[in-house]
């Protein structure tokens, strides 16, 4: 994965994430929507065969777009860890039947 900053100002950020696709971007976008400091969050993939999404974040000034994106990453990590924990529990229970 490689990240390139395309555009940045006080309340907005545009980055390109090479090597990623809808899975990561959709989750980040949804988490950003849940953040009250986010005015806009979205992403675009120019072509389905090109794994080069551009992620856009605009905030209302209570938080920088960088901080909003960093917070979204933390939430995504927490959710992933929780899923892994629940999955391990389910597999263990299934195996003992």
N, C-alpha and C. Protein backbone atom coordinates (compact mmCIF):
# COMPACT_ATOMS: atom_id res chain seq x y z
N UNK A 1 0.86 -1.17 0.00
CA UNK A 1 0.00 0.00 0.00
C UNK A 1 0.90 1.23 0.00
N UNK A 2 0.52 2.17 -0.82
CA UNK A 2 1.22 3.46 -0.87
C UNK A 2 0.16 4.56 -0.83
N UNK A 3 0.43 5.60 -0.07
CA UNK A 3 -0.51 6.72 0.04
C UNK A 3 0.15 7.98 -0.47
N UNK A 4 -0.56 8.67 -1.34
CA UNK A 4 -0.08 9.95 -1.88
C UNK A 4 -1.08 11.04 -1.52
N UNK A 5 -0.57 12.15 -1.01
CA UNK A 5 -1.43 13.30 -0.76
C UNK A 5 -1.58 14.05 -2.08
N UNK A 6 -2.82 14.20 -2.53
CA UNK A 6 -3.11 14.87 -3.79
C UNK A 6 -3.40 16.35 -3.55
N UNK A 7 -4.19 16.63 -2.52
CA UNK A 7 -4.57 18.01 -2.22
C UNK A 7 -4.84 18.11 -0.72
N UNK A 8 -4.46 19.24 -0.14
CA UNK A 8 -4.65 19.41 1.29
C UNK A 8 -4.78 20.89 1.60
N UNK A 9 -5.77 21.21 2.43
CA UNK A 9 -5.84 22.55 3.00
C UNK A 9 -6.37 22.42 4.42
N UNK A 10 -6.73 23.51 5.04
CA UNK A 10 -7.10 23.51 6.45
C UNK A 10 -8.23 22.54 6.79
N UNK A 11 -9.25 22.47 5.93
CA UNK A 11 -10.43 21.66 6.24
C UNK A 11 -10.71 20.55 5.24
N UNK A 12 -9.82 20.31 4.30
CA UNK A 12 -10.07 19.23 3.34
C UNK A 12 -8.78 18.51 2.98
N UNK A 13 -8.96 17.27 2.60
CA UNK A 13 -7.83 16.41 2.27
C UNK A 13 -8.26 15.45 1.17
N UNK A 14 -7.38 15.28 0.20
CA UNK A 14 -7.59 14.29 -0.87
C UNK A 14 -6.33 13.44 -0.93
N UNK A 15 -6.50 12.13 -0.78
CA UNK A 15 -5.37 11.22 -0.86
C UNK A 15 -5.67 10.13 -1.87
N UNK A 16 -4.61 9.54 -2.38
CA UNK A 16 -4.74 8.39 -3.27
C UNK A 16 -4.10 7.21 -2.54
N UNK A 17 -4.82 6.08 -2.51
CA UNK A 17 -4.33 4.89 -1.83
C UNK A 17 -4.07 3.82 -2.88
N UNK A 18 -2.82 3.63 -3.21
CA UNK A 18 -2.46 2.64 -4.23
C UNK A 18 -2.51 1.24 -3.64
N UNK A 19 -3.12 0.33 -4.36
CA UNK A 19 -3.17 -1.06 -3.93
C UNK A 19 -4.38 -1.42 -3.09
N UNK A 20 -5.30 -0.50 -2.89
CA UNK A 20 -6.50 -0.78 -2.12
C UNK A 20 -7.73 -0.62 -3.00
N UNK A 21 -8.90 -0.94 -2.46
CA UNK A 21 -10.12 -0.86 -3.25
C UNK A 21 -11.31 -0.50 -2.41
N UNK A 22 -12.46 -1.00 -2.82
CA UNK A 22 -13.72 -0.67 -2.17
C UNK A 22 -13.77 -1.11 -0.70
N UNK A 23 -13.16 -2.23 -0.38
CA UNK A 23 -13.27 -2.77 0.97
C UNK A 23 -12.78 -1.76 2.01
N UNK A 24 -11.60 -1.25 1.85
CA UNK A 24 -11.06 -0.28 2.80
C UNK A 24 -11.80 1.05 2.70
N UNK A 25 -11.98 1.54 1.50
CA UNK A 25 -12.55 2.87 1.30
C UNK A 25 -14.00 2.98 1.77
N UNK A 26 -14.79 1.98 1.51
CA UNK A 26 -16.18 2.00 1.95
C UNK A 26 -16.27 2.06 3.47
N UNK A 27 -15.44 1.29 4.14
CA UNK A 27 -15.44 1.28 5.60
C UNK A 27 -14.97 2.62 6.16
N UNK A 28 -13.90 3.18 5.61
CA UNK A 28 -13.43 4.49 6.07
C UNK A 28 -14.50 5.55 5.86
N UNK A 29 -15.13 5.52 4.70
CA UNK A 29 -16.17 6.51 4.39
C UNK A 29 -17.31 6.43 5.40
N UNK A 30 -17.76 5.22 5.71
CA UNK A 30 -18.87 5.06 6.64
C UNK A 30 -18.50 5.54 8.04
N UNK A 31 -17.32 5.22 8.48
CA UNK A 31 -16.88 5.66 9.80
C UNK A 31 -16.75 7.18 9.84
N UNK A 32 -16.23 7.77 8.77
CA UNK A 32 -16.12 9.23 8.70
C UNK A 32 -17.50 9.89 8.74
N UNK A 33 -18.49 9.28 8.10
CA UNK A 33 -19.87 9.81 8.13
C UNK A 33 -20.40 9.87 9.57
N UNK A 34 -19.97 8.94 10.40
CA UNK A 34 -20.41 8.91 11.79
C UNK A 34 -19.74 9.96 12.67
N UNK A 35 -18.70 10.58 12.17
CA UNK A 35 -17.96 11.61 12.91
C UNK A 35 -18.62 12.97 12.68
N UNK A 36 -19.05 13.60 13.74
CA UNK A 36 -19.78 14.88 13.62
C UNK A 36 -18.93 16.00 13.04
N UNK A 37 -17.62 15.86 13.05
CA UNK A 37 -16.77 16.91 12.48
C UNK A 37 -16.65 16.79 10.96
N UNK A 38 -17.11 15.67 10.41
CA UNK A 38 -17.00 15.45 8.96
C UNK A 38 -18.18 16.08 8.23
N UNK A 39 -17.86 16.94 7.27
CA UNK A 39 -18.86 17.56 6.42
C UNK A 39 -19.09 16.70 5.18
N UNK A 40 -18.01 16.13 4.66
CA UNK A 40 -18.09 15.28 3.47
C UNK A 40 -17.02 14.21 3.55
N UNK A 41 -17.38 13.01 3.15
CA UNK A 41 -16.43 11.91 3.02
C UNK A 41 -16.85 11.08 1.82
N UNK A 42 -15.91 10.77 0.99
CA UNK A 42 -16.21 9.96 -0.17
C UNK A 42 -14.95 9.43 -0.80
N UNK A 43 -15.14 8.60 -1.79
CA UNK A 43 -14.00 8.10 -2.54
C UNK A 43 -14.43 7.81 -3.96
N UNK A 44 -13.43 7.70 -4.82
CA UNK A 44 -13.69 7.44 -6.23
C UNK A 44 -12.61 6.50 -6.75
N UNK A 45 -13.05 5.52 -7.52
CA UNK A 45 -12.13 4.65 -8.23
C UNK A 45 -12.44 4.85 -9.71
N UNK A 46 -11.48 5.39 -10.44
CA UNK A 46 -11.71 5.76 -11.84
C UNK A 46 -12.04 4.57 -12.73
N UNK A 47 -11.43 3.43 -12.45
CA UNK A 47 -11.67 2.24 -13.26
C UNK A 47 -11.65 1.02 -12.36
N UNK A 48 -12.59 0.09 -12.55
CA UNK A 48 -12.68 -1.07 -11.65
C UNK A 48 -11.42 -1.94 -11.61
N UNK A 49 -10.63 -1.91 -12.64
CA UNK A 49 -9.42 -2.73 -12.67
C UNK A 49 -8.20 -2.01 -12.12
N UNK A 50 -8.37 -0.75 -11.77
CA UNK A 50 -7.26 0.05 -11.24
C UNK A 50 -7.45 0.23 -9.74
N UNK A 51 -6.54 -0.30 -8.95
CA UNK A 51 -6.64 -0.18 -7.50
C UNK A 51 -5.94 1.11 -7.06
N UNK A 52 -6.54 2.24 -7.41
CA UNK A 52 -5.97 3.54 -7.06
C UNK A 52 -7.06 4.50 -6.61
N UNK A 53 -7.79 4.15 -5.54
CA UNK A 53 -8.88 5.02 -5.11
C UNK A 53 -8.38 6.36 -4.58
N UNK A 54 -9.21 7.37 -4.77
CA UNK A 54 -8.96 8.69 -4.18
C UNK A 54 -10.00 8.89 -3.09
N UNK A 55 -9.52 9.23 -1.91
CA UNK A 55 -10.38 9.44 -0.75
C UNK A 55 -10.43 10.94 -0.47
N UNK A 56 -11.66 11.45 -0.25
CA UNK A 56 -11.87 12.87 0.02
C UNK A 56 -12.49 13.03 1.40
N UNK A 57 -11.93 13.95 2.18
CA UNK A 57 -12.46 14.23 3.52
C UNK A 57 -12.52 15.74 3.69
N UNK A 58 -13.67 16.23 4.13
CA UNK A 58 -13.82 17.65 4.45
C UNK A 58 -14.43 17.74 5.84
N UNK A 59 -13.85 18.60 6.68
CA UNK A 59 -14.34 18.74 8.05
C UNK A 59 -14.85 20.16 8.29
N UNK A 60 -15.54 20.32 9.42
CA UNK A 60 -16.13 21.61 9.75
C UNK A 60 -15.19 22.51 10.55
N UNK A 61 -13.97 22.09 10.75
CA UNK A 61 -12.99 22.89 11.47
C UNK A 61 -12.80 22.52 12.92
N UNK A 62 -13.67 21.69 13.47
CA UNK A 62 -13.48 21.25 14.85
C UNK A 62 -12.37 20.21 14.96
N UNK A 63 -12.01 19.66 13.82
CA UNK A 63 -10.97 18.65 13.73
C UNK A 63 -10.36 18.79 12.34
N UNK A 64 -9.08 18.54 12.19
CA UNK A 64 -8.47 18.56 10.86
C UNK A 64 -8.90 17.31 10.10
N UNK A 65 -8.88 17.37 8.78
CA UNK A 65 -9.22 16.16 8.01
C UNK A 65 -8.25 15.01 8.31
N UNK A 66 -6.99 15.36 8.55
CA UNK A 66 -6.01 14.32 8.91
C UNK A 66 -6.44 13.65 10.21
N UNK A 67 -6.83 14.43 11.21
CA UNK A 67 -7.24 13.84 12.49
C UNK A 67 -8.50 13.00 12.33
N UNK A 68 -9.45 13.48 11.52
CA UNK A 68 -10.67 12.71 11.28
C UNK A 68 -10.34 11.37 10.63
N UNK A 69 -9.43 11.37 9.69
CA UNK A 69 -9.04 10.13 9.01
C UNK A 69 -8.28 9.22 9.96
N UNK A 70 -7.42 9.78 10.78
CA UNK A 70 -6.68 8.98 11.77
C UNK A 70 -7.66 8.35 12.78
N UNK A 71 -8.65 9.14 13.22
CA UNK A 71 -9.66 8.61 14.14
C UNK A 71 -10.46 7.49 13.49
N UNK A 72 -10.79 7.65 12.21
CA UNK A 72 -11.53 6.61 11.47
C UNK A 72 -10.70 5.34 11.38
N UNK A 73 -9.40 5.48 11.17
CA UNK A 73 -8.52 4.30 11.12
C UNK A 73 -8.51 3.57 12.46
N UNK A 74 -8.49 4.31 13.56
CA UNK A 74 -8.52 3.70 14.89
C UNK A 74 -9.81 2.92 15.10
N UNK A 75 -10.94 3.50 14.69
CA UNK A 75 -12.23 2.80 14.82
C UNK A 75 -12.23 1.53 13.97
N UNK A 76 -11.70 1.62 12.76
CA UNK A 76 -11.65 0.45 11.88
C UNK A 76 -10.80 -0.66 12.49
N UNK A 77 -9.69 -0.30 13.10
CA UNK A 77 -8.83 -1.29 13.76
C UNK A 77 -9.59 -1.94 14.91
N UNK A 78 -10.29 -1.14 15.72
CA UNK A 78 -11.06 -1.68 16.84
C UNK A 78 -12.14 -2.65 16.34
N UNK A 79 -12.83 -2.28 15.27
CA UNK A 79 -13.87 -3.14 14.73
C UNK A 79 -13.30 -4.44 14.18
N UNK A 80 -12.15 -4.34 13.54
CA UNK A 80 -11.50 -5.53 12.99
C UNK A 80 -11.06 -6.46 14.11
N UNK A 81 -10.50 -5.89 15.17
CA UNK A 81 -10.09 -6.70 16.31
C UNK A 81 -11.29 -7.39 16.96
N UNK A 82 -12.40 -6.66 17.09
CA UNK A 82 -13.61 -7.23 17.68
C UNK A 82 -14.16 -8.36 16.81
N UNK A 83 -14.15 -8.15 15.48
CA UNK A 83 -14.60 -9.20 14.57
C UNK A 83 -13.74 -10.44 14.72
N UNK A 84 -12.43 -10.26 14.77
CA UNK A 84 -11.52 -11.40 14.91
C UNK A 84 -11.82 -12.16 16.19
N UNK A 85 -12.02 -11.43 17.28
CA UNK A 85 -12.33 -12.06 18.56
C UNK A 85 -13.63 -12.87 18.48
N UNK A 86 -14.68 -12.27 17.92
CA UNK A 86 -15.97 -12.95 17.81
C UNK A 86 -15.89 -14.15 16.87
N UNK A 87 -15.12 -13.99 15.79
CA UNK A 87 -14.94 -15.08 14.83
C UNK A 87 -14.22 -16.26 15.49
N UNK A 88 -13.16 -15.95 16.24
CA UNK A 88 -12.43 -17.01 16.94
C UNK A 88 -13.35 -17.76 17.91
N UNK A 89 -14.20 -17.02 18.62
CA UNK A 89 -15.16 -17.64 19.54
C UNK A 89 -16.13 -18.55 18.79
N UNK A 90 -16.63 -18.06 17.68
CA UNK A 90 -17.60 -18.86 16.90
C UNK A 90 -16.96 -20.12 16.35
N UNK A 91 -15.73 -20.01 15.87
CA UNK A 91 -15.04 -21.18 15.33
C UNK A 91 -14.77 -22.19 16.43
N UNK A 92 -14.38 -21.70 17.60
CA UNK A 92 -14.12 -22.59 18.75
C UNK A 92 -15.38 -23.34 19.14
N UNK A 93 -16.50 -22.62 19.21
CA UNK A 93 -17.79 -23.24 19.58
C UNK A 93 -18.21 -24.25 18.53
N UNK A 94 -18.01 -23.93 17.27
CA UNK A 94 -18.38 -24.84 16.18
C UNK A 94 -17.57 -26.12 16.24
N UNK A 95 -16.27 -25.97 16.54
CA UNK A 95 -15.39 -27.13 16.60
C UNK A 95 -15.68 -28.05 17.76
N UNK A 96 -16.29 -27.54 18.81
CA UNK A 96 -16.56 -28.37 19.98
C UNK A 96 -17.90 -29.10 19.89
N UNK A 97 -18.64 -28.87 18.83
CA UNK A 97 -19.95 -29.53 18.66
C UNK A 97 -19.80 -30.86 18.01
